[in-house]
Amino acid sequence: MYLNNYYLLMVLLILLMIFMYMKNFLMLLISLEFMLMFYLFMILLVGVDLYIDWMFLYLLVMGVCESVIGISLMISMVNNYGSQSMKILNLKW
């Protein structure tokens, strides 16, 4: 029961971070990485008894790929627009 409450609290904090910092692309990437680190931590806590080391390695590789794609998108956005601000993309939410 305690683990479910902790999981819910962390997801709510991550969503709060995403919605508070939507104007900055770097903060969006940092909040996504924080979410991935939380999932890795949860797999380590739960997966010790279940011996699912392959899932930890799979998520770690996917996190590295996500980071590389996010950083390359941010670099191309800075090269094209001159800023990493999300306001210049004309996103209608």
PDB file of N, CA and C in Angstrom:
ATOM      1  N   MET A   1       0.820  -1.191   0.000  1.00  0.00           N
ATOM      2  CA  MET A   1       0.000   0.000   0.000  1.00  0.00           C
ATOM      3  C   MET A   1       0.864   1.256   0.000  1.00  0.00           C
ATOM      4  N   TYR A   2       1.945   1.227   0.779  1.00  0.00           N
ATOM      5  CA  TYR A   2       2.828   2.382   0.860  1.00  0.00           C
ATOM      6  C   TYR A   2       3.479   2.659  -0.486  1.00  0.00           C
ATOM      7  N   LEU A   3       3.829   1.618  -1.209  1.00  0.00           N
ATOM      8  CA  LEU A   3       4.475   1.773  -2.510  1.00  0.00           C
ATOM      9  C   LEU A   3       3.533   2.409  -3.523  1.00  0.00           C
ATOM     10  N   ASN A   4       2.251   2.083  -3.480  1.00  0.00           N
ATOM     11  CA  ASN A   4       1.280   2.685  -4.387  1.00  0.00           C
ATOM     12  C   ASN A   4       1.103   4.172  -4.113  1.00  0.00           C
ATOM     13  N   ASN A   5       1.079   4.560  -2.843  1.00  0.00           N
ATOM     14  CA  ASN A   5       0.959   5.975  -2.508  1.00  0.00           C
ATOM     15  C   ASN A   5       2.191   6.749  -2.949  1.00  0.00           C
ATOM     16  N   TYR A   6       3.345   6.163  -2.774  1.00  0.00           N
ATOM     17  CA  TYR A   6       4.589   6.797  -3.199  1.00  0.00           C
ATOM     18  C   TYR A   6       4.609   6.966  -4.711  1.00  0.00           C
ATOM     19  N   TYR A   7       4.145   5.955  -5.416  1.00  0.00           N
ATOM     20  CA  TYR A   7       4.085   6.009  -6.873  1.00  0.00           C
ATOM     21  C   TYR A   7       3.142   7.116  -7.340  1.00  0.00           C
ATOM     22  N   LEU A   8       1.988   7.214  -6.746  1.00  0.00           N
ATOM     23  CA  LEU A   8       1.014   8.239  -7.115  1.00  0.00           C
ATOM     24  C   LEU A   8       1.542   9.640  -6.829  1.00  0.00           C
ATOM     25  N   LEU A   9       2.192   9.816  -5.701  1.00  0.00           N
ATOM     26  CA  LEU A   9       2.758  11.114  -5.354  1.00  0.00           C
ATOM     27  C   LEU A   9       3.838  11.530  -6.346  1.00  0.00           C
ATOM     28  N   MET A  10       4.694  10.614  -6.731  1.00  0.00           N
ATOM     29  CA  MET A  10       5.764  10.946  -7.670  1.00  0.00           C
ATOM     30  C   MET A  10       5.214  11.262  -9.055  1.00  0.00           C
ATOM     31  N   VAL A  11       4.206  10.551  -9.497  1.00  0.00           N
ATOM     32  CA  VAL A  11       3.597  10.843 -10.798  1.00  0.00           C
ATOM     33  C   VAL A  11       2.948  12.220 -10.786  1.00  0.00           C
ATOM     34  N   LEU A  12       2.275  12.565  -9.706  1.00  0.00           N
ATOM     35  CA  LEU A  12       1.670  13.891  -9.607  1.00  0.00           C
ATOM     36  C   LEU A  12       2.720  14.994  -9.587  1.00  0.00           C
ATOM     37  N   LEU A  13       3.830  14.771  -8.904  1.00  0.00           N
ATOM     38  CA  LEU A  13       4.908  15.757  -8.901  1.00  0.00           C
ATOM     39  C   LEU A  13       5.524  15.926 -10.286  1.00  0.00           C
ATOM     40  N   ILE A  14       5.673  14.848 -11.008  1.00  0.00           N
ATOM     41  CA  ILE A  14       6.232  14.917 -12.360  1.00  0.00           C
ATOM     42  C   ILE A  14       5.289  15.670 -13.286  1.00  0.00           C
ATOM     43  N   LEU A  15       3.998  15.389 -13.197  1.00  0.00           N
ATOM     44  CA  LEU A  15       3.033  16.115 -14.023  1.00  0.00           C
ATOM     45  C   LEU A  15       2.999  17.595 -13.673  1.00  0.00           C
ATOM     46  N   LEU A  16       3.135  17.907 -12.395  1.00  0.00           N
ATOM     47  CA  LEU A  16       3.192  19.305 -11.984  1.00  0.00           C
ATOM     48  C   LEU A  16       4.418  19.994 -12.570  1.00  0.00           C
ATOM     49  N   MET A  17       5.554  19.310 -12.562  1.00  0.00           N
ATOM     50  CA  MET A  17       6.767  19.884 -13.147  1.00  0.00           C
ATOM     51  C   MET A  17       6.606  20.107 -14.640  1.00  0.00           C
ATOM     52  N   ILE A  18       5.983  19.166 -15.323  1.00  0.00           N
ATOM     53  CA  ILE A  18       5.806  19.297 -16.772  1.00  0.00           C
ATOM     54  C   ILE A  18       4.917  20.485 -17.094  1.00  0.00           C
ATOM     55  N   PHE A  19       3.807  20.638 -16.382  1.00  0.00           N
ATOM     56  CA  PHE A  19       2.886  21.724 -16.695  1.00  0.00           C
ATOM     57  C   PHE A  19       3.374  23.086 -16.218  1.00  0.00           C
ATOM     58  N   MET A  20       4.200  23.111 -15.190  1.00  0.00           N
ATOM     59  CA  MET A  20       4.719  24.393 -14.725  1.00  0.00           C
ATOM     60  C   MET A  20       5.802  24.936 -15.647  1.00  0.00           C
ATOM     61  N   TYR A  21       6.587  24.056 -16.227  1.00  0.00           N
ATOM     62  CA  TYR A  21       7.732  24.489 -17.016  1.00  0.00           C
ATOM     63  C   TYR A  21       7.563  24.189 -18.498  1.00  0.00           C
ATOM     64  N   MET A  22       6.339  24.322 -19.013  1.00  0.00           N
ATOM     65  CA  MET A  22       6.114  24.032 -20.428  1.00  0.00           C
ATOM     66  C   MET A  22       6.705  25.088 -21.351  1.00  0.00           C
ATOM     67  N   LYS A  23       7.088  26.238 -20.836  1.00  0.00           N
ATOM     68  CA  LYS A  23       7.623  27.267 -21.708  1.00  0.00           C
ATOM     69  C   LYS A  23       9.096  27.046 -22.013  1.00  0.00           C
ATOM     70  N   ASN A  24       9.742  26.118 -21.337  1.00  0.00           N
ATOM     71  CA  ASN A  24      11.155  25.878 -21.520  1.00  0.00           C
ATOM     72  C   ASN A  24      11.375  24.416 -21.900  1.00  0.00           C
ATOM     73  N   PHE A  25      11.980  24.186 -23.061  1.00  0.00           N
ATOM     74  CA  PHE A  25      12.151  22.833 -23.581  1.00  0.00           C
ATOM     75  C   PHE A  25      13.111  22.017 -22.722  1.00  0.00           C
ATOM     76  N   LEU A  26      14.136  22.659 -22.189  1.00  0.00           N
ATOM     77  CA  LEU A  26      15.105  21.949 -21.365  1.00  0.00           C
ATOM     78  C   LEU A  26      14.465  21.441 -20.075  1.00  0.00           C
ATOM     79  N   MET A  27      13.595  22.216 -19.478  1.00  0.00           N
ATOM     80  CA  MET A  27      12.917  21.766 -18.259  1.00  0.00           C
ATOM     81  C   MET A  27      11.958  20.608 -18.548  1.00  0.00           C
ATOM     82  N   LEU A  28      11.368  20.606 -19.731  1.00  0.00           N
ATOM     83  CA  LEU A  28      10.527  19.481 -20.130  1.00  0.00           C
ATOM     84  C   LEU A  28      11.362  18.209 -20.244  1.00  0.00           C
ATOM     85  N   LEU A  29      12.547  18.324 -20.838  1.00  0.00           N
ATOM     86  CA  LEU A  29      13.430  17.164 -20.950  1.00  0.00           C
ATOM     87  C   LEU A  29      13.905  16.682 -19.583  1.00  0.00           C
ATOM     88  N   ILE A  30      14.201  17.613 -18.692  1.00  0.00           N
ATOM     89  CA  ILE A  30      14.647  17.233 -17.353  1.00  0.00           C
ATOM     90  C   ILE A  30      13.528  16.520 -16.597  1.00  0.00           C
ATOM     91  N   SER A  31      12.304  16.967 -16.742  1.00  0.00           N
ATOM     92  CA  SER A  31      11.201  16.295 -16.053  1.00  0.00           C
ATOM     93  C   SER A  31      10.947  14.904 -16.630  1.00  0.00           C
ATOM     94  N   LEU A  32      11.141  14.734 -17.929  1.00  0.00           N
ATOM     95  CA  LEU A  32      11.013  13.394 -18.513  1.00  0.00           C
ATOM     96  C   LEU A  32      12.114  12.466 -18.008  1.00  0.00           C
ATOM     97  N   GLU A  33      13.319  12.988 -17.858  1.00  0.00           N
ATOM     98  CA  GLU A  33      14.407  12.180 -17.319  1.00  0.00           C
ATOM     99  C   GLU A  33      14.166  11.846 -15.849  1.00  0.00           C
ATOM    100  N   PHE A  34      13.579  12.772 -15.109  1.00  0.00           N
ATOM    101  CA  PHE A  34      13.230  12.499 -13.718  1.00  0.00           C
ATOM    102  C   PHE A  34      12.205  11.373 -13.637  1.00  0.00           C
ATOM    103  N   MET A  35      11.250  11.364 -14.555  1.00  0.00           N
ATOM    104  CA  MET A  35      10.257  10.303 -14.596  1.00  0.00           C
ATOM    105  C   MET A  35      10.916   8.956 -14.900  1.00  0.00           C
ATOM    106  N   LEU A  36      11.852   8.946 -15.813  1.00  0.00           N
ATOM    107  CA  LEU A  36      12.547   7.705 -16.136  1.00  0.00           C
ATOM    108  C   LEU A  36      13.357   7.208 -14.942  1.00  0.00           C
ATOM    109  N   MET A  37      14.036   8.105 -14.257  1.00  0.00           N
ATOM    110  CA  MET A  37      14.806   7.696 -13.079  1.00  0.00           C
ATOM    111  C   MET A  37      13.897   7.146 -11.983  1.00  0.00           C
ATOM    112  N   PHE A  38      12.708   7.718 -11.868  1.00  0.00           N
ATOM    113  CA  PHE A  38      11.753   7.202 -10.897  1.00  0.00           C
ATOM    114  C   PHE A  38      11.321   5.782 -11.260  1.00  0.00           C
ATOM    115  N   TYR A  39      11.054   5.541 -12.540  1.00  0.00           N
ATOM    116  CA  TYR A  39      10.664   4.192 -12.958  1.00  0.00           C
ATOM    117  C   TYR A  39      11.793   3.195 -12.752  1.00  0.00           C
ATOM    118  N   LEU A  40      13.021   3.614 -13.001  1.00  0.00           N
ATOM    119  CA  LEU A  40      14.157   2.726 -12.751  1.00  0.00           C
ATOM    120  C   LEU A  40      14.285   2.406 -11.264  1.00  0.00           C
ATOM    121  N   PHE A  41      14.072   3.406 -10.436  1.00  0.00           N
ATOM    122  CA  PHE A  41      14.114   3.184  -8.991  1.00  0.00           C
ATOM    123  C   PHE A  41      13.016   2.223  -8.550  1.00  0.00           C
ATOM    124  N   MET A  42      11.825   2.374  -9.110  1.00  0.00           N
ATOM    125  CA  MET A  42      10.723   1.482  -8.752  1.00  0.00           C
ATOM    126  C   MET A  42      11.007   0.050  -9.196  1.00  0.00           C
ATOM    127  N   ILE A  43      11.623  -0.114 -10.361  1.00  0.00           N
ATOM    128  CA  ILE A  43      11.960  -1.463 -10.820  1.00  0.00           C
ATOM    129  C   ILE A  43      13.014  -2.082  -9.916  1.00  0.00           C
ATOM    130  N   LEU A  44      13.956  -1.272  -9.450  1.00  0.00           N
ATOM    131  CA  LEU A  44      14.943  -1.804  -8.517  1.00  0.00           C
ATOM    132  C   LEU A  44      14.305  -2.222  -7.199  1.00  0.00           C
ATOM    133  N   LEU A  45      13.339  -1.446  -6.719  1.00  0.00           N
ATOM    134  CA  LEU A  45      12.688  -1.803  -5.458  1.00  0.00           C
ATOM    135  C   LEU A  45      11.833  -3.055  -5.584  1.00  0.00           C
ATOM    136  N   VAL A  46      11.057  -3.123  -6.643  1.00  0.00           N
ATOM    137  CA  VAL A  46      10.133  -4.241  -6.812  1.00  0.00           C
ATOM    138  C   VAL A  46      10.824  -5.444  -7.444  1.00  0.00           C
ATOM    139  N   GLY A  47      11.736  -5.181  -8.361  1.00  0.00           N
ATOM    140  CA  GLY A  47      12.330  -6.252  -9.144  1.00  0.00           C
ATOM    141  C   GLY A  47      13.413  -7.044  -8.464  1.00  0.00           C
ATOM    142  N   VAL A  48      13.828  -6.662  -7.270  1.00  0.00           N
ATOM    143  CA  VAL A  48      14.862  -7.420  -6.575  1.00  0.00           C
ATOM    144  C   VAL A  48      14.353  -8.819  -6.250  1.00  0.00           C
ATOM    145  N   ASP A  49      13.114  -8.918  -5.877  1.00  0.00           N
ATOM    146  CA  ASP A  49      12.539 -10.221  -5.551  1.00  0.00           C
ATOM    147  C   ASP A  49      12.159 -11.018  -6.793  1.00  0.00           C
ATOM    148  N   LEU A  50      11.908 -10.331  -7.896  1.00  0.00           N
ATOM    149  CA  LEU A  50      11.412 -11.007  -9.095  1.00  0.00           C
ATOM    150  C   LEU A  50      12.506 -11.338 -10.103  1.00  0.00           C
ATOM    151  N   TYR A  51      13.725 -10.874  -9.874  1.00  0.00           N
ATOM    152  CA  TYR A  51      14.861 -11.115 -10.760  1.00  0.00           C
ATOM    153  C   TYR A  51      14.586 -10.638 -12.184  1.00  0.00           C
ATOM    154  N   ILE A  52      14.213  -9.394 -12.322  1.00  0.00           N
ATOM    155  CA  ILE A  52      13.974  -8.838 -13.658  1.00  0.00           C
ATOM    156  C   ILE A  52      15.047  -7.805 -13.987  1.00  0.00           C
ATOM    157  N   ASP A  53      16.277  -8.272 -14.015  1.00  0.00           N
ATOM    158  CA  ASP A  53      17.388  -7.387 -14.357  1.00  0.00           C
ATOM    159  C   ASP A  53      17.315  -6.937 -15.808  1.00  0.00           C
ATOM    160  N   TRP A  54      16.766  -7.752 -16.670  1.00  0.00           N
ATOM    161  CA  TRP A  54      16.680  -7.399 -18.082  1.00  0.00           C
ATOM    162  C   TRP A  54      15.779  -6.190 -18.293  1.00  0.00           C
ATOM    163  N   MET A  55      14.733  -6.051 -17.474  1.00  0.00           N
ATOM    164  CA  MET A  55      13.832  -4.907 -17.599  1.00  0.00           C
ATOM    165  C   MET A  55      14.533  -3.616 -17.184  1.00  0.00           C
ATOM    166  N   PHE A  56      15.363  -3.679 -16.153  1.00  0.00           N
ATOM    167  CA  PHE A  56      16.137  -2.519 -15.734  1.00  0.00           C
ATOM    168  C   PHE A  56      17.087  -2.092 -16.849  1.00  0.00           C
ATOM    169  N   LEU A  57      17.765  -3.041 -17.451  1.00  0.00           N
ATOM    170  CA  LEU A  57      18.693  -2.731 -18.536  1.00  0.00           C
ATOM    171  C   LEU A  57      17.957  -2.185 -19.752  1.00  0.00           C
ATOM    172  N   TYR A  58      16.802  -2.745 -20.066  1.00  0.00           N
ATOM    173  CA  TYR A  58      15.997  -2.266 -21.191  1.00  0.00           C
ATOM    174  C   TYR A  58      15.555  -0.821 -20.978  1.00  0.00           C
ATOM    175  N   LEU A  59      15.059  -0.503 -19.800  1.00  0.00           N
ATOM    176  CA  LEU A  59      14.632   0.864 -19.514  1.00  0.00           C
ATOM    177  C   LEU A  59      15.810   1.832 -19.486  1.00  0.00           C
ATOM    178  N   LEU A  60      16.956   1.383 -19.035  1.00  0.00           N
ATOM    179  CA  LEU A  60      18.138   2.232 -19.023  1.00  0.00           C
ATOM    180  C   LEU A  60      18.580   2.568 -20.438  1.00  0.00           C
ATOM    181  N   VAL A  61      18.554   1.593 -21.336  1.00  0.00           N
ATOM    182  CA  VAL A  61      18.905   1.842 -22.739  1.00  0.00           C
ATOM    183  C   VAL A  61      17.892   2.767 -23.395  1.00  0.00           C
ATOM    184  N   MET A  62      16.614   2.561 -23.126  1.00  0.00           N
ATOM    185  CA  MET A  62      15.592   3.448 -23.685  1.00  0.00           C
ATOM    186  C   MET A  62      15.727   4.869 -23.147  1.00  0.00           C
ATOM    187  N   GLY A  63      16.123   5.003 -21.906  1.00  0.00           N
ATOM    188  CA  GLY A  63      16.340   6.329 -21.330  1.00  0.00           C
ATOM    189  C   GLY A  63      17.501   7.055 -21.978  1.00  0.00           C
ATOM    190  N   VAL A  64      18.555   6.332 -22.280  1.00  0.00           N
ATOM    191  CA  VAL A  64      19.693   6.948 -22.967  1.00  0.00           C
ATOM    192  C   VAL A  64      19.288   7.382 -24.368  1.00  0.00           C
ATOM    193  N   CYS A  65      18.540   6.546 -25.066  1.00  0.00           N
ATOM    194  CA  CYS A  65      18.069   6.920 -26.408  1.00  0.00           C
ATOM    195  C   CYS A  65      17.143   8.130 -26.342  1.00  0.00           C
ATOM    196  N   GLU A  66      16.277   8.180 -25.353  1.00  0.00           N
ATOM    197  CA  GLU A  66      15.381   9.322 -25.177  1.00  0.00           C
ATOM    198  C   GLU A  66      16.171  10.600 -24.909  1.00  0.00           C
ATOM    199  N   SER A  67      17.201  10.488 -24.107  1.00  0.00           N
ATOM    200  CA  SER A  67      18.030  11.662 -23.805  1.00  0.00           C
ATOM    201  C   SER A  67      18.748  12.175 -25.038  1.00  0.00           C
ATOM    202  N   VAL A  68      19.292  11.273 -25.819  1.00  0.00           N
ATOM    203  CA  VAL A  68      20.022  11.670 -27.025  1.00  0.00           C
ATOM    204  C   VAL A  68      19.086  12.329 -28.031  1.00  0.00           C
ATOM    205  N   ILE A  69      17.912  11.771 -28.219  1.00  0.00           N
ATOM    206  CA  ILE A  69      16.948  12.360 -29.154  1.00  0.00           C
ATOM    207  C   ILE A  69      16.473  13.723 -28.654  1.00  0.00           C
ATOM    208  N   GLY A  70      16.217  13.842 -27.363  1.00  0.00           N
ATOM    209  CA  GLY A  70      15.775  15.121 -26.811  1.00  0.00           C
ATOM    210  C   GLY A  70      16.829  16.202 -26.927  1.00  0.00           C
ATOM    211  N   ILE A  71      18.078  15.870 -26.628  1.00  0.00           N
ATOM    212  CA  ILE A  71      19.152  16.859 -26.735  1.00  0.00           C
ATOM    213  C   ILE A  71      19.382  17.252 -28.182  1.00  0.00           C
ATOM    214  N   SER A  72      19.305  16.288 -29.105  1.00  0.00           N
ATOM    215  CA  SER A  72      19.497  16.641 -30.521  1.00  0.00           C
ATOM    216  C   SER A  72      18.352  17.513 -31.032  1.00  0.00           C
ATOM    217  N   LEU A  73      17.121  17.263 -30.573  1.00  0.00           N
ATOM    218  CA  LEU A  73      16.002  18.136 -30.941  1.00  0.00           C
ATOM    219  C   LEU A  73      16.173  19.536 -30.373  1.00  0.00           C
ATOM    220  N   MET A  74      16.670  19.620 -29.141  1.00  0.00           N
ATOM    221  CA  MET A  74      16.877  20.935 -28.553  1.00  0.00           C
ATOM    222  C   MET A  74      17.986  21.696 -29.278  1.00  0.00           C
ATOM    223  N   ILE A  75      19.051  21.018 -29.668  1.00  0.00           N
ATOM    224  CA  ILE A  75      20.138  21.677 -30.400  1.00  0.00           C
ATOM    225  C   ILE A  75      19.659  22.154 -31.759  1.00  0.00           C
ATOM    226  N   SER A  76      18.872  21.332 -32.455  1.00  0.00           N
ATOM    227  CA  SER A  76      18.356  21.771 -33.753  1.00  0.00           C
ATOM    228  C   SER A  76      17.355  22.913 -33.596  1.00  0.00           C
ATOM    229  N   MET A  77      16.592  22.918 -32.511  1.00  0.00           N
ATOM    230  CA  MET A  77      15.658  24.015 -32.268  1.00  0.00           C
ATOM    231  C   MET A  77      16.401  25.312 -31.971  1.00  0.00           C
ATOM    232  N   VAL A  78      17.493  25.233 -31.225  1.00  0.00           N
ATOM    233  CA  VAL A  78      18.294  26.427 -30.953  1.00  0.00           C
ATOM    234  C   VAL A  78      18.948  26.920 -32.233  1.00  0.00           C
ATOM    235  N   ASN A  79      19.403  26.003 -33.079  1.00  0.00           N
ATOM    236  CA  ASN A  79      20.007  26.414 -34.349  1.00  0.00           C
ATOM    237  C   ASN A  79      18.987  27.058 -35.281  1.00  0.00           C
ATOM    238  N   ASN A  80      17.770  26.548 -35.319  1.00  0.00           N
ATOM    239  CA  ASN A  80      16.759  27.079 -36.235  1.00  0.00           C
ATOM    240  C   ASN A  80      16.096  28.348 -35.721  1.00  0.00           C
ATOM    241  N   TYR A  81      15.749  28.376 -34.437  1.00  0.00           N
ATOM    242  CA  TYR A  81      14.968  29.484 -33.895  1.00  0.00           C
ATOM    243  C   TYR A  81      15.780  30.443 -33.034  1.00  0.00           C
ATOM    244  N   GLY A  82      16.939  30.025 -32.575  1.00  0.00           N
ATOM    245  CA  GLY A  82      17.771  30.884 -31.750  1.00  0.00           C
ATOM    246  C   GLY A  82      17.417  30.861 -30.279  1.00  0.00           C
ATOM    247  N   SER A  83      16.477  30.024 -29.881  1.00  0.00           N
ATOM    248  CA  SER A  83      16.068  29.954 -28.482  1.00  0.00           C
ATOM    249  C   SER A  83      15.470  28.578 -28.222  1.00  0.00           C
ATOM    250  N   GLN A  84      15.424  28.205 -26.945  1.00  0.00           N
ATOM    251  CA  GLN A  84      14.795  26.940 -26.578  1.00  0.00           C
ATOM    252  C   GLN A  84      13.410  27.147 -25.987  1.00  0.00           C
ATOM    253  N   SER A  85      12.895  28.345 -26.117  1.00  0.00           N
ATOM    254  CA  SER A  85      11.583  28.662 -25.565  1.00  0.00           C
ATOM    255  C   SER A  85      10.491  27.992 -26.392  1.00  0.00           C
ATOM    256  N   MET A  86       9.484  27.475 -25.710  1.00  0.00           N
ATOM    257  CA  MET A  86       8.388  26.798 -26.392  1.00  0.00           C
ATOM    258  C   MET A  86       7.384  27.789 -26.970  1.00  0.00           C
ATOM    259  N   LYS A  87       7.482  29.069 -26.593  1.00  0.00           N
ATOM    260  CA  LYS A  87       6.536  30.070 -27.083  1.00  0.00           C
ATOM    261  C   LYS A  87       6.731  30.351 -28.571  1.00  0.00           C
ATOM    262  N   ILE A  88       7.921  30.082 -29.105  1.00  0.00           N
ATOM    263  CA  ILE A  88       8.181  30.392 -30.505  1.00  0.00           C
ATOM    264  C   ILE A  88       7.646  29.325 -31.448  1.00  0.00           C
ATOM    265  N   LEU A  89       7.161  28.214 -30.916  1.00  0.00           N
ATOM    266  CA  LEU A  89       6.678  27.124 -31.762  1.00  0.00           C
ATOM    267  C   LEU A  89       5.215  27.271 -32.146  1.00  0.00           C
ATOM    268  N   ASN A  90       4.502  28.227 -31.594  1.00  0.00           N
ATOM    269  CA  ASN A  90       3.082  28.465 -31.856  1.00  0.00           C
ATOM    270  C   ASN A  90       2.235  27.226 -31.565  1.00  0.00           C
ATOM    271  N   LEU A  91       2.434  26.659 -30.396  1.00  0.00           N
ATOM    272  CA  LEU A  91       1.641  25.508 -29.980  1.00  0.00           C
ATOM    273  C   LEU A  91       0.346  25.999 -29.358  1.00  0.00           C
ATOM    274  N   LYS A  92      -0.770  25.563 -29.888  1.00  0.00           N
ATOM    275  CA  LYS A  92      -2.083  25.944 -29.362  1.00  0.00           C
ATOM    276  C   LYS A  92      -2.584  24.834 -28.450  1.00  0.00           C
ATOM    277  N   TRP A  93      -2.528  25.046 -27.142  1.00  0.00           N
ATOM    278  CA  TRP A  93      -2.969  24.041 -26.184  1.00  0.00           C
ATOM    279  C   TRP A  93      -4.387  24.286 -25.859  1.00  0.00           C
TER     280      TRP A  93
END
